[in-house]
Amino acid sequence: MELVANSLMVRIVRRDGKPDEEQYCADEQEARQLMGLLNDPDNAEMYRSIALVSVDWRGHTEQVHDTI
């Protein structure tokens, strides 16, 4: 079995001090759709930021592509 080298995730940083949430997505379209759902005015008080992040598991690095 070959390991996936890269993944996309949406990182949600909460305002209430609870741990950040990380939702892994199959592709960029799914990730952006999730970001759109979370970027609701009703959620503004819950989330400090919502970011689209690519993760390179082999290099142990992350790159932020977009932040709301």
C-alpha atoms as a PDB file:
ATOM      1  CA  MET A   1       0.000   0.000   0.000  1.00  0.00           C
ATOM      2  CA  GLU A   2       1.385   3.407  -0.986  1.00  0.00           C
ATOM      3  CA  LEU A   3       0.926   6.331   1.373  1.00  0.00           C
ATOM      4  CA  VAL A   4      -0.566   9.558   0.082  1.00  0.00           C
ATOM      5  CA  ALA A   5       2.114  12.242   0.051  1.00  0.00           C
ATOM      6  CA  ASN A   6      -0.209  15.256   0.117  1.00  0.00           C
ATOM      7  CA  SER A   7      -3.602  16.033   1.597  1.00  0.00           C
ATOM      8  CA  LEU A   8      -5.921  19.023   1.701  1.00  0.00           C
ATOM      9  CA  MET A   9      -7.588  20.061   4.899  1.00  0.00           C
ATOM     10  CA  VAL A  10      -9.725  22.841   6.242  1.00  0.00           C
ATOM     11  CA  ARG A  11      -8.452  24.063   9.613  1.00  0.00           C
ATOM     12  CA  ILE A  12     -11.037  25.766  11.795  1.00  0.00           C
ATOM     13  CA  VAL A  13      -9.707  27.887  14.656  1.00  0.00           C
ATOM     14  CA  ARG A  14     -12.351  28.365  17.329  1.00  0.00           C
ATOM     15  CA  ARG A  15     -12.905  31.467  19.462  1.00  0.00           C
ATOM     16  CA  ASP A  16     -14.068  29.554  22.548  1.00  0.00           C
ATOM     17  CA  GLY A  17     -10.680  28.041  23.376  1.00  0.00           C
ATOM     18  CA  LYS A  18     -11.646  24.512  22.364  1.00  0.00           C
ATOM     19  CA  PRO A  19      -9.126  22.632  20.178  1.00  0.00           C
ATOM     20  CA  ASP A  20      -8.862  23.579  16.508  1.00  0.00           C
ATOM     21  CA  GLU A  21     -10.743  21.324  14.125  1.00  0.00           C
ATOM     22  CA  GLU A  22      -9.151  19.795  11.019  1.00  0.00           C
ATOM     23  CA  GLN A  23     -11.365  18.362   8.307  1.00  0.00           C
ATOM     24  CA  TYR A  24      -9.536  16.454   5.566  1.00  0.00           C
ATOM     25  CA  CYS A  25     -11.011  16.691   2.070  1.00  0.00           C
ATOM     26  CA  ALA A  26     -10.708  14.570  -1.062  1.00  0.00           C
ATOM     27  CA  ASP A  27     -10.029  17.542  -3.351  1.00  0.00           C
ATOM     28  CA  GLU A  28      -9.946  21.333  -3.542  1.00  0.00           C
ATOM     29  CA  GLN A  29     -13.582  21.582  -4.615  1.00  0.00           C
ATOM     30  CA  GLU A  30     -14.732  19.707  -1.520  1.00  0.00           C
ATOM     31  CA  ALA A  31     -12.474  21.831   0.704  1.00  0.00           C
ATOM     32  CA  ARG A  32     -13.741  25.114  -0.744  1.00  0.00           C
ATOM     33  CA  GLN A  33     -17.339  23.938  -0.437  1.00  0.00           C
ATOM     34  CA  LEU A  34     -16.753  23.189   3.260  1.00  0.00           C
ATOM     35  CA  MET A  35     -15.135  26.604   3.740  1.00  0.00           C
ATOM     36  CA  GLY A  36     -18.190  28.209   2.151  1.00  0.00           C
ATOM     37  CA  LEU A  37     -20.542  26.345   4.458  1.00  0.00           C
ATOM     38  CA  LEU A  38     -18.546  27.366   7.521  1.00  0.00           C
ATOM     39  CA  ASN A  39     -18.273  30.998   6.372  1.00  0.00           C
ATOM     40  CA  ASP A  40     -21.826  31.727   7.456  1.00  0.00           C
ATOM     41  CA  PRO A  41     -22.609  34.950   9.358  1.00  0.00           C
ATOM     42  CA  ASP A  42     -24.158  32.827  12.118  1.00  0.00           C
ATOM     43  CA  ASN A  43     -20.752  31.192  12.677  1.00  0.00           C
ATOM     44  CA  ALA A  44     -18.795  34.454  12.935  1.00  0.00           C
ATOM     45  CA  GLU A  45     -18.835  34.355  16.738  1.00  0.00           C
ATOM     46  CA  MET A  46     -17.692  30.709  16.812  1.00  0.00           C
ATOM     47  CA  TYR A  47     -14.652  30.759  14.511  1.00  0.00           C
ATOM     48  CA  ARG A  48     -11.561  32.951  14.567  1.00  0.00           C
ATOM     49  CA  SER A  49     -10.374  31.698  11.160  1.00  0.00           C
ATOM     50  CA  ILE A  50     -11.011  29.067   8.515  1.00  0.00           C
ATOM     51  CA  ALA A  51      -8.045  28.071   6.351  1.00  0.00           C
ATOM     52  CA  LEU A  52      -7.422  25.848   3.339  1.00  0.00           C
ATOM     53  CA  VAL A  53      -4.149  24.030   4.029  1.00  0.00           C
ATOM     54  CA  SER A  54      -2.158  21.515   2.000  1.00  0.00           C
ATOM     55  CA  VAL A  55      -0.196  18.981   4.026  1.00  0.00           C
ATOM     56  CA  ASP A  56       2.970  17.309   2.717  1.00  0.00           C
ATOM     57  CA  TRP A  57       3.268  14.190   4.851  1.00  0.00           C
ATOM     58  CA  ARG A  58       6.681  13.214   3.523  1.00  0.00           C
ATOM     59  CA  GLY A  59       8.233  16.631   4.085  1.00  0.00           C
ATOM     60  CA  HIS A  60       6.221  17.266   7.260  1.00  0.00           C
ATOM     61  CA  THR A  61       5.199  20.722   6.050  1.00  0.00           C
ATOM     62  CA  GLU A  62       1.981  22.666   5.661  1.00  0.00           C
ATOM     63  CA  GLN A  63       1.120  25.485   3.300  1.00  0.00           C
ATOM     64  CA  VAL A  64      -1.850  27.804   3.815  1.00  0.00           C
ATOM     65  CA  HIS A  65      -3.522  28.624   0.508  1.00  0.00           C
ATOM     66  CA  ASP A  66      -6.543  30.651   1.596  1.00  0.00           C
ATOM     67  CA  THR A  67      -7.925  32.024   4.854  1.00  0.00           C
ATOM     68  CA  ILE A  68     -11.318  33.389   5.731  1.00  0.00           C
END
